[in-house]
PDB file of N, CA and C in Angstrom:
ATOM      1  N   MET A   1      22.249  11.458 -26.512  1.00  0.00           N
ATOM      2  CA  MET A   1      23.170  11.977 -25.518  1.00  0.00           C
ATOM      3  C   MET A   1      23.307  10.955 -24.396  1.00  0.00           C
ATOM      4  N   LEU A   2      24.528  10.657 -24.024  1.00  0.00           N
ATOM      5  CA  LEU A   2      24.815   9.647 -23.023  1.00  0.00           C
ATOM      6  C   LEU A   2      24.981  10.287 -21.651  1.00  0.00           C
ATOM      7  N   ALA A   3      24.313   9.717 -20.667  1.00  0.00           N
ATOM      8  CA  ALA A   3      24.448  10.202 -19.289  1.00  0.00           C
ATOM      9  C   ALA A   3      25.021   9.087 -18.435  1.00  0.00           C
ATOM     10  N   VAL A   4      26.066   9.365 -17.696  1.00  0.00           N
ATOM     11  CA  VAL A   4      26.675   8.368 -16.818  1.00  0.00           C
ATOM     12  C   VAL A   4      26.575   8.873 -15.391  1.00  0.00           C
ATOM     13  N   SER A   5      25.996   8.026 -14.523  1.00  0.00           N
ATOM     14  CA  SER A   5      25.833   8.436 -13.138  1.00  0.00           C
ATOM     15  C   SER A   5      25.862   7.203 -12.256  1.00  0.00           C
ATOM     16  N   GLY A   6      26.853   7.095 -11.409  1.00  0.00           N
ATOM     17  CA  GLY A   6      26.918   5.991 -10.456  1.00  0.00           C
ATOM     18  C   GLY A   6      26.941   4.621 -11.097  1.00  0.00           C
ATOM     19  N   GLY A   7      27.549   4.489 -12.261  1.00  0.00           N
ATOM     20  CA  GLY A   7      27.620   3.204 -12.919  1.00  0.00           C
ATOM     21  C   GLY A   7      26.457   2.930 -13.862  1.00  0.00           C
ATOM     22  N   TRP A   8      25.482   3.805 -13.911  1.00  0.00           N
ATOM     23  CA  TRP A   8      24.342   3.644 -14.818  1.00  0.00           C
ATOM     24  C   TRP A   8      24.611   4.429 -16.088  1.00  0.00           C
ATOM     25  N   GLU A   9      24.390   3.807 -17.211  1.00  0.00           N
ATOM     26  CA  GLU A   9      24.519   4.496 -18.488  1.00  0.00           C
ATOM     27  C   GLU A   9      23.161   4.469 -19.166  1.00  0.00           C
ATOM     28  N   THR A  10      22.679   5.630 -19.558  1.00  0.00           N
ATOM     29  CA  THR A  10      21.403   5.663 -20.269  1.00  0.00           C
ATOM     30  C   THR A  10      21.565   6.469 -21.543  1.00  0.00           C
ATOM     31  N   GLU A  11      20.855   6.051 -22.535  1.00  0.00           N
ATOM     32  CA  GLU A  11      20.850   6.724 -23.816  1.00  0.00           C
ATOM     33  C   GLU A  11      19.414   6.641 -24.319  1.00  0.00           C
ATOM     34  N   MET A  12      18.985   7.600 -25.088  1.00  0.00           N
ATOM     35  CA  MET A  12      17.622   7.598 -25.586  1.00  0.00           C
ATOM     36  C   MET A  12      17.318   6.268 -26.275  1.00  0.00           C
ATOM     37  N   GLY A  13      16.317   5.539 -25.793  1.00  0.00           N
ATOM     38  CA  GLY A  13      15.922   4.279 -26.392  1.00  0.00           C
ATOM     39  C   GLY A  13      16.787   3.093 -26.015  1.00  0.00           C
ATOM     40  N   TYR A  14      17.668   3.239 -25.074  1.00  0.00           N
ATOM     41  CA  TYR A  14      18.581   2.160 -24.709  1.00  0.00           C
ATOM     42  C   TYR A  14      18.840   2.199 -23.219  1.00  0.00           C
ATOM     43  N   LEU A  15      18.734   1.061 -22.590  1.00  0.00           N
ATOM     44  CA  LEU A  15      19.007   0.967 -21.159  1.00  0.00           C
ATOM     45  C   LEU A  15      19.716  -0.356 -20.911  1.00  0.00           C
ATOM     46  N   LYS A  16      20.873  -0.295 -20.316  1.00  0.00           N
ATOM     47  CA  LYS A  16      21.638  -1.496 -20.009  1.00  0.00           C
ATOM     48  C   LYS A  16      21.535  -1.763 -18.513  1.00  0.00           C
ATOM     49  N   ILE A  17      21.109  -2.989 -18.180  1.00  0.00           N
ATOM     50  CA  ILE A  17      20.940  -3.365 -16.786  1.00  0.00           C
ATOM     51  C   ILE A  17      21.627  -4.706 -16.570  1.00  0.00           C
ATOM     52  N   VAL A  18      22.452  -4.790 -15.554  1.00  0.00           N
ATOM     53  CA  VAL A  18      23.066  -6.054 -15.163  1.00  0.00           C
ATOM     54  C   VAL A  18      22.241  -6.599 -14.004  1.00  0.00           C
ATOM     55  N   VAL A  19      21.773  -7.841 -14.140  1.00  0.00           N
ATOM     56  CA  VAL A  19      20.871  -8.429 -13.154  1.00  0.00           C
ATOM     57  C   VAL A  19      21.475  -9.699 -12.585  1.00  0.00           C
ATOM     58  N   LYS A  20      21.467  -9.808 -11.264  1.00  0.00           N
ATOM     59  CA  LYS A  20      21.858 -11.048 -10.595  1.00  0.00           C
ATOM     60  C   LYS A  20      20.574 -11.680 -10.073  1.00  0.00           C
ATOM     61  N   ILE A  21      20.348 -12.939 -10.434  1.00  0.00           N
ATOM     62  CA  ILE A  21      19.126 -13.630 -10.032  1.00  0.00           C
ATOM     63  C   ILE A  21      19.508 -14.786  -9.122  1.00  0.00           C
ATOM     64  N   PRO A  22      19.279 -14.653  -7.817  1.00  0.00           N
ATOM     65  CA  PRO A  22      19.640 -15.728  -6.889  1.00  0.00           C
ATOM     66  C   PRO A  22      18.731 -16.939  -7.060  1.00  0.00           C
ATOM     67  N   ASP A  23      19.347 -18.114  -7.225  1.00  0.00           N
ATOM     68  CA  ASP A  23      18.557 -19.326  -7.436  1.00  0.00           C
ATOM     69  C   ASP A  23      17.820 -19.777  -6.175  1.00  0.00           C
ATOM     70  N   THR A  24      18.207 -19.252  -5.029  1.00  0.00           N
ATOM     71  CA  THR A  24      17.500 -19.598  -3.799  1.00  0.00           C
ATOM     72  C   THR A  24      16.164 -18.859  -3.679  1.00  0.00           C
ATOM     73  N   ILE A  25      16.065 -17.707  -4.318  1.00  0.00           N
ATOM     74  CA  ILE A  25      14.841 -16.911  -4.245  1.00  0.00           C
ATOM     75  C   ILE A  25      13.942 -17.145  -5.454  1.00  0.00           C
ATOM     76  N   TYR A  26      14.543 -17.329  -6.640  1.00  0.00           N
ATOM     77  CA  TYR A  26      13.788 -17.503  -7.886  1.00  0.00           C
ATOM     78  C   TYR A  26      14.206 -18.787  -8.604  1.00  0.00           C
ATOM     79  N   PRO A  27      14.030 -19.950  -7.982  1.00  0.00           N
ATOM     80  CA  PRO A  27      14.524 -21.186  -8.601  1.00  0.00           C
ATOM     81  C   PRO A  27      13.876 -21.502  -9.951  1.00  0.00           C
ATOM     82  N   GLU A  28      12.580 -21.185 -10.112  1.00  0.00           N
ATOM     83  CA  GLU A  28      11.900 -21.471 -11.374  1.00  0.00           C
ATOM     84  C   GLU A  28      12.455 -20.600 -12.505  1.00  0.00           C
ATOM     85  N   LEU A  29      12.698 -19.328 -12.203  1.00  0.00           N
ATOM     86  CA  LEU A  29      13.236 -18.422 -13.211  1.00  0.00           C
ATOM     87  C   LEU A  29      14.650 -18.825 -13.611  1.00  0.00           C
ATOM     88  N   VAL A  30      15.479 -19.152 -12.640  1.00  0.00           N
ATOM     89  CA  VAL A  30      16.856 -19.579 -12.924  1.00  0.00           C
ATOM     90  C   VAL A  30      16.844 -20.854 -13.758  1.00  0.00           C
ATOM     91  N   ALA A  31      16.001 -21.806 -13.400  1.00  0.00           N
ATOM     92  CA  ALA A  31      15.914 -23.063 -14.151  1.00  0.00           C
ATOM     93  C   ALA A  31      15.476 -22.804 -15.589  1.00  0.00           C
ATOM     94  N   ASP A  32      14.509 -21.916 -15.763  1.00  0.00           N
ATOM     95  CA  ASP A  32      14.037 -21.583 -17.109  1.00  0.00           C
ATOM     96  C   ASP A  32      15.146 -20.929 -17.932  1.00  0.00           C
ATOM     97  N   LEU A  33      15.838 -19.971 -17.341  1.00  0.00           N
ATOM     98  CA  LEU A  33      16.898 -19.266 -18.073  1.00  0.00           C
ATOM     99  C   LEU A  33      18.084 -20.171 -18.383  1.00  0.00           C
ATOM    100  N   GLN A  34      18.337 -21.173 -17.539  1.00  0.00           N
ATOM    101  CA  GLN A  34      19.436 -22.092 -17.800  1.00  0.00           C
ATOM    102  C   GLN A  34      19.161 -22.981 -19.007  1.00  0.00           C
ATOM    103  N   ARG A  35      17.886 -23.182 -19.337  1.00  0.00           N
ATOM    104  CA  ARG A  35      17.531 -24.000 -20.502  1.00  0.00           C
ATOM    105  C   ARG A  35      17.703 -23.237 -21.811  1.00  0.00           C
ATOM    106  N   VAL A  36      17.843 -21.928 -21.729  1.00  0.00           N
ATOM    107  CA  VAL A  36      17.965 -21.082 -22.918  1.00  0.00           C
ATOM    108  C   VAL A  36      19.447 -20.822 -23.184  1.00  0.00           C
ATOM    109  N   GLN A  37      19.816 -20.788 -24.467  1.00  0.00           N
ATOM    110  CA  GLN A  37      21.204 -20.502 -24.805  1.00  0.00           C
ATOM    111  C   GLN A  37      21.618 -19.151 -24.237  1.00  0.00           C
ATOM    112  N   LEU A  38      22.884 -19.051 -23.868  1.00  0.00           N
ATOM    113  CA  LEU A  38      23.409 -17.855 -23.215  1.00  0.00           C
ATOM    114  C   LEU A  38      23.061 -16.574 -23.973  1.00  0.00           C
ATOM    115  N   ARG A  39      23.231 -16.565 -25.269  1.00  0.00           N
ATOM    116  CA  ARG A  39      22.976 -15.359 -26.062  1.00  0.00           C
ATOM    117  C   ARG A  39      21.493 -14.989 -26.136  1.00  0.00           C
ATOM    118  N   ASP A  40      20.606 -15.939 -25.847  1.00  0.00           N
ATOM    119  CA  ASP A  40      19.165 -15.686 -25.934  1.00  0.00           C
ATOM    120  C   ASP A  40      18.527 -15.344 -24.591  1.00  0.00           C
ATOM    121  N   ARG A  41      19.302 -15.384 -23.528  1.00  0.00           N
ATOM    122  CA  ARG A  41      18.734 -15.164 -22.189  1.00  0.00           C
ATOM    123  C   ARG A  41      18.206 -13.754 -21.990  1.00  0.00           C
ATOM    124  N   ALA A  42      18.885 -12.769 -22.520  1.00  0.00           N
ATOM    125  CA  ALA A  42      18.415 -11.384 -22.355  1.00  0.00           C
ATOM    126  C   ALA A  42      17.058 -11.197 -23.026  1.00  0.00           C
ATOM    127  N   GLU A  43      16.904 -11.752 -24.224  1.00  0.00           N
ATOM    128  CA  GLU A  43      15.624 -11.636 -24.920  1.00  0.00           C
ATOM    129  C   GLU A  43      14.531 -12.373 -24.155  1.00  0.00           C
ATOM    130  N   ARG A  44      14.863 -13.519 -23.616  1.00  0.00           N
ATOM    131  CA  ARG A  44      13.907 -14.291 -22.814  1.00  0.00           C
ATOM    132  C   ARG A  44      13.449 -13.472 -21.606  1.00  0.00           C
ATOM    133  N   LEU A  45      14.386 -12.840 -20.937  1.00  0.00           N
ATOM    134  CA  LEU A  45      14.061 -12.022 -19.770  1.00  0.00           C
ATOM    135  C   LEU A  45      13.211 -10.814 -20.168  1.00  0.00           C
ATOM    136  N   ARG A  46      13.520 -10.202 -21.322  1.00  0.00           N
ATOM    137  CA  ARG A  46      12.705  -9.069 -21.808  1.00  0.00           C
ATOM    138  C   ARG A  46      11.272  -9.515 -22.070  1.00  0.00           C
ATOM    139  N   LEU A  47      11.099 -10.690 -22.699  1.00  0.00           N
ATOM    140  CA  LEU A  47       9.751 -11.180 -22.983  1.00  0.00           C
ATOM    141  C   LEU A  47       8.992 -11.496 -21.696  1.00  0.00           C
ATOM    142  N   LEU A  48       9.678 -12.122 -20.737  1.00  0.00           N
ATOM    143  CA  LEU A  48       9.028 -12.406 -19.457  1.00  0.00           C
ATOM    144  C   LEU A  48       8.633 -11.113 -18.743  1.00  0.00           C
ATOM    145  N   ALA A  49       9.489 -10.109 -18.813  1.00  0.00           N
ATOM    146  CA  ALA A  49       9.172  -8.811 -18.189  1.00  0.00           C
ATOM    147  C   ALA A  49       7.966  -8.174 -18.876  1.00  0.00           C
ATOM    148  N   MET A  50       7.910  -8.262 -20.206  1.00  0.00           N
ATOM    149  CA  MET A  50       6.785  -7.674 -20.931  1.00  0.00           C
ATOM    150  C   MET A  50       5.481  -8.390 -20.573  1.00  0.00           C
ATOM    151  N   LEU A  51       5.537  -9.717 -20.464  1.00  0.00           N
ATOM    152  CA  LEU A  51       4.345 -10.458 -20.043  1.00  0.00           C
ATOM    153  C   LEU A  51       3.913 -10.041 -18.636  1.00  0.00           C
ATOM    154  N   GLY A  52       4.878  -9.838 -17.757  1.00  0.00           N
ATOM    155  CA  GLY A  52       4.562  -9.376 -16.410  1.00  0.00           C
ATOM    156  C   GLY A  52       3.907  -8.000 -16.420  1.00  0.00           C
ATOM    157  N   LEU A  53       4.429  -7.112 -17.261  1.00  0.00           N
ATOM    158  CA  LEU A  53       3.820  -5.779 -17.381  1.00  0.00           C
ATOM    159  C   LEU A  53       2.400  -5.870 -17.920  1.00  0.00           C
ATOM    160  N   MET A  54       2.217  -6.723 -18.917  1.00  0.00           N
ATOM    161  CA  MET A  54       0.882  -6.870 -19.493  1.00  0.00           C
ATOM    162  C   MET A  54      -0.097  -7.425 -18.466  1.00  0.00           C
ATOM    163  N   HIS A  55       0.401  -8.261 -17.575  1.00  0.00           N
ATOM    164  CA  HIS A  55      -0.456  -8.835 -16.530  1.00  0.00           C
ATOM    165  C   HIS A  55      -0.830  -7.792 -15.481  1.00  0.00           C
ATOM    166  N   THR A  56       0.123  -6.931 -15.134  1.00  0.00           N
ATOM    167  CA  THR A  56      -0.145  -5.935 -14.097  1.00  0.00           C
ATOM    168  C   THR A  56      -0.766  -4.654 -14.640  1.00  0.00           C
ATOM    169  N   MET A  57      -0.623  -4.419 -15.953  1.00  0.00           N
ATOM    170  CA  MET A  57      -1.178  -3.208 -16.567  1.00  0.00           C
ATOM    171  C   MET A  57      -2.005  -3.601 -17.788  1.00  0.00           C
ATOM    172  N   PRO A  58      -3.256  -4.016 -17.594  1.00  0.00           N
ATOM    173  CA  PRO A  58      -4.081  -4.489 -18.710  1.00  0.00           C
ATOM    174  C   PRO A  58      -4.218  -3.502 -19.861  1.00  0.00           C
ATOM    175  N   SER A  59      -4.012  -2.219 -19.622  1.00  0.00           N
ATOM    176  CA  SER A  59      -4.133  -1.252 -20.714  1.00  0.00           C
ATOM    177  C   SER A  59      -3.057  -1.476 -21.775  1.00  0.00           C
ATOM    178  N   LEU A  60      -1.952  -2.148 -21.428  1.00  0.00           N
ATOM    179  CA  LEU A  60      -0.900  -2.436 -22.400  1.00  0.00           C
ATOM    180  C   LEU A  60      -1.336  -3.466 -23.426  1.00  0.00           C
ATOM    181  N   GLN A  61      -2.227  -4.360 -23.061  1.00  0.00           N
ATOM    182  CA  GLN A  61      -2.612  -5.412 -23.981  1.00  0.00           C
ATOM    183  C   GLN A  61      -3.474  -4.912 -25.117  1.00  0.00           C
ATOM    184  N   ASP A  62      -4.115  -3.756 -24.973  1.00  0.00           N
ATOM    185  CA  ASP A  62      -4.923  -3.240 -26.077  1.00  0.00           C
ATOM    186  C   ASP A  62      -4.207  -2.093 -26.787  1.00  0.00           C
ATOM    187  N   GLY A  63      -2.891  -2.132 -26.755  1.00  0.00           N
ATOM    188  CA  GLY A  63      -2.104  -1.124 -27.457  1.00  0.00           C
ATOM    189  C   GLY A  63      -2.068   0.206 -26.746  1.00  0.00           C
ATOM    190  N   GLY A  64      -2.379   0.244 -25.441  1.00  0.00           N
ATOM    191  CA  GLY A  64      -2.310   1.483 -24.679  1.00  0.00           C
ATOM    192  C   GLY A  64      -3.545   2.351 -24.830  1.00  0.00           C
ATOM    193  N   ARG A  65      -4.604   1.818 -25.456  1.00  0.00           N
ATOM    194  CA  ARG A  65      -5.817   2.617 -25.655  1.00  0.00           C
ATOM    195  C   ARG A  65      -6.599   2.799 -24.363  1.00  0.00           C
ATOM    196  N   GLY A  66      -6.299   1.962 -23.349  1.00  0.00           N
ATOM    197  CA  GLY A  66      -6.942   2.123 -22.046  1.00  0.00           C
ATOM    198  C   GLY A  66      -8.399   1.747 -22.027  1.00  0.00           C
ATOM    199  N   SER A  67      -8.795   0.795 -22.834  1.00  0.00           N
ATOM    200  CA  SER A  67     -10.184   0.362 -22.885  1.00  0.00           C
ATOM    201  C   SER A  67     -10.635  -0.168 -21.529  1.00  0.00           C
ATOM    202  N   ALA A  68     -11.767   0.288 -21.069  1.00  0.00           N
ATOM    203  CA  ALA A  68     -12.289  -0.166 -19.785  1.00  0.00           C
ATOM    204  C   ALA A  68     -12.780  -1.603 -19.879  1.00  0.00           C
ATOM    205  N   GLU A  69     -13.031  -2.070 -21.110  1.00  0.00           N
ATOM    206  CA  GLU A  69     -13.542  -3.416 -21.300  1.00  0.00           C
ATOM    207  C   GLU A  69     -12.469  -4.345 -21.836  1.00  0.00           C
ATOM    208  N   SER A  70     -11.231  -4.157 -21.433  1.00  0.00           N
ATOM    209  CA  SER A  70     -10.142  -5.018 -21.877  1.00  0.00           C
ATOM    210  C   SER A  70     -10.424  -6.436 -21.424  1.00  0.00           C
ATOM    211  N   GLU A  71     -10.163  -7.388 -22.340  1.00  0.00           N
ATOM    212  CA  GLU A  71     -10.364  -8.785 -21.975  1.00  0.00           C
ATOM    213  C   GLU A  71      -9.232  -9.247 -21.078  1.00  0.00           C
ATOM    214  N   PRO A  72      -9.477 -10.259 -20.256  1.00  0.00           N
ATOM    215  CA  PRO A  72      -8.428 -10.758 -19.369  1.00  0.00           C
ATOM    216  C   PRO A  72      -7.226 -11.266 -20.158  1.00  0.00           C
ATOM    217  N   ILE A  73      -6.048 -11.268 -19.511  1.00  0.00           N
ATOM    218  CA  ILE A  73      -4.827 -11.694 -20.166  1.00  0.00           C
ATOM    219  C   ILE A  73      -4.958 -13.098 -20.737  1.00  0.00           C
ATOM    220  N   ALA A  74      -5.566 -14.021 -20.000  1.00  0.00           N
ATOM    221  CA  ALA A  74      -5.673 -15.401 -20.452  1.00  0.00           C
ATOM    222  C   ALA A  74      -6.450 -15.501 -21.760  1.00  0.00           C
ATOM    223  N   GLU A  75      -7.349 -14.547 -22.015  1.00  0.00           N
ATOM    224  CA  GLU A  75      -8.162 -14.580 -23.219  1.00  0.00           C
ATOM    225  C   GLU A  75      -7.705 -13.559 -24.248  1.00  0.00           C
ATOM    226  N   SER A  76      -6.596 -12.886 -24.002  1.00  0.00           N
ATOM    227  CA  SER A  76      -6.182 -11.826 -24.899  1.00  0.00           C
ATOM    228  C   SER A  76      -5.752 -12.370 -26.243  1.00  0.00           C
ATOM    229  N   GLY A  77      -5.677 -11.475 -27.201  1.00  0.00           N
ATOM    230  CA  GLY A  77      -5.438 -11.853 -28.590  1.00  0.00           C
ATOM    231  C   GLY A  77      -4.000 -12.080 -28.979  1.00  0.00           C
ATOM    232  N   SER A  78      -3.718 -11.744 -30.182  1.00  0.00           N
ATOM    233  CA  SER A  78      -2.522 -12.174 -30.887  1.00  0.00           C
ATOM    234  C   SER A  78      -1.195 -11.763 -30.249  1.00  0.00           C
ATOM    235  N   ALA A  79      -1.040 -10.569 -29.756  1.00  0.00           N
ATOM    236  CA  ALA A  79       0.262 -10.124 -29.231  1.00  0.00           C
ATOM    237  C   ALA A  79       0.723 -10.986 -28.062  1.00  0.00           C
ATOM    238  N   THR A  80      -0.145 -11.198 -27.099  1.00  0.00           N
ATOM    239  CA  THR A  80       0.216 -12.020 -25.946  1.00  0.00           C
ATOM    240  C   THR A  80       0.426 -13.465 -26.360  1.00  0.00           C
ATOM    241  N   GLN A  81      -0.424 -13.975 -27.217  1.00  0.00           N
ATOM    242  CA  GLN A  81      -0.300 -15.356 -27.678  1.00  0.00           C
ATOM    243  C   GLN A  81       1.023 -15.560 -28.410  1.00  0.00           C
ATOM    244  N   ARG A  82       1.423 -14.580 -29.242  1.00  0.00           N
ATOM    245  CA  ARG A  82       2.709 -14.682 -29.956  1.00  0.00           C
ATOM    246  C   ARG A  82       3.864 -14.681 -28.969  1.00  0.00           C
ATOM    247  N   MET A  83       3.806 -13.832 -27.944  1.00  0.00           N
ATOM    248  CA  MET A  83       4.880 -13.789 -26.951  1.00  0.00           C
ATOM    249  C   MET A  83       4.997 -15.117 -26.219  1.00  0.00           C
ATOM    250  N   ILE A  84       3.866 -15.669 -25.814  1.00  0.00           N
ATOM    251  CA  ILE A  84       3.885 -16.944 -25.108  1.00  0.00           C
ATOM    252  C   ILE A  84       4.417 -18.043 -26.014  1.00  0.00           C
ATOM    253  N   LYS A  85       4.011 -18.038 -27.276  1.00  0.00           N
ATOM    254  CA  LYS A  85       4.518 -19.036 -28.225  1.00  0.00           C
ATOM    255  C   LYS A  85       6.027 -18.888 -28.405  1.00  0.00           C
ATOM    256  N   ASN A  86       6.512 -17.659 -28.539  1.00  0.00           N
ATOM    257  CA  ASN A  86       7.943 -17.427 -28.676  1.00  0.00           C
ATOM    258  C   ASN A  86       8.707 -17.933 -27.456  1.00  0.00           C
ATOM    259  N   LEU A  87       8.164 -17.684 -26.267  1.00  0.00           N
ATOM    260  CA  LEU A  87       8.800 -18.148 -25.046  1.00  0.00           C
ATOM    261  C   LEU A  87       8.886 -19.675 -25.008  1.00  0.00           C
ATOM    262  N   SER A  88       7.780 -20.336 -25.326  1.00  0.00           N
ATOM    263  CA  SER A  88       7.776 -21.801 -25.257  1.00  0.00           C
ATOM    264  C   SER A  88       8.569 -22.424 -26.392  1.00  0.00           C
ATOM    265  N   ASP A  89       8.592 -21.804 -27.565  1.00  0.00           N
ATOM    266  CA  ASP A  89       9.357 -22.339 -28.699  1.00  0.00           C
ATOM    267  C   ASP A  89      10.856 -22.272 -28.468  1.00  0.00           C
ATOM    268  N   SER A  90      11.302 -21.314 -27.652  1.00  0.00           N
ATOM    269  CA  SER A  90      12.735 -21.145 -27.455  1.00  0.00           C
ATOM    270  C   SER A  90      13.334 -22.175 -26.503  1.00  0.00           C
ATOM    271  N   LEU A  91      12.500 -22.986 -25.878  1.00  0.00           N
ATOM    272  CA  LEU A  91      13.018 -24.021 -24.960  1.00  0.00           C
ATOM    273  C   LEU A  91      13.486 -25.238 -25.714  1.00  0.00           C
TER     274      LEU A  91
END
């Protein structure tokens, strides 16, 4: 079911967001995104956002199990390593 409110459209499992990224505030992010092909920028931004979430919410790195003994992000296993590899390979 589609809900439209104030220019926002949401559907179960789908969210469309238009983002303006000022190069004066986020020069590193803008420079990184400019190196990626136009069609791949959204995926790049999604991966960067997921890495940010994993950094701020360590319970995400262990599949949401909420382990109190989660290893630090820098030492985390395959999922984070694959994301980082995908990010660097796309440059």
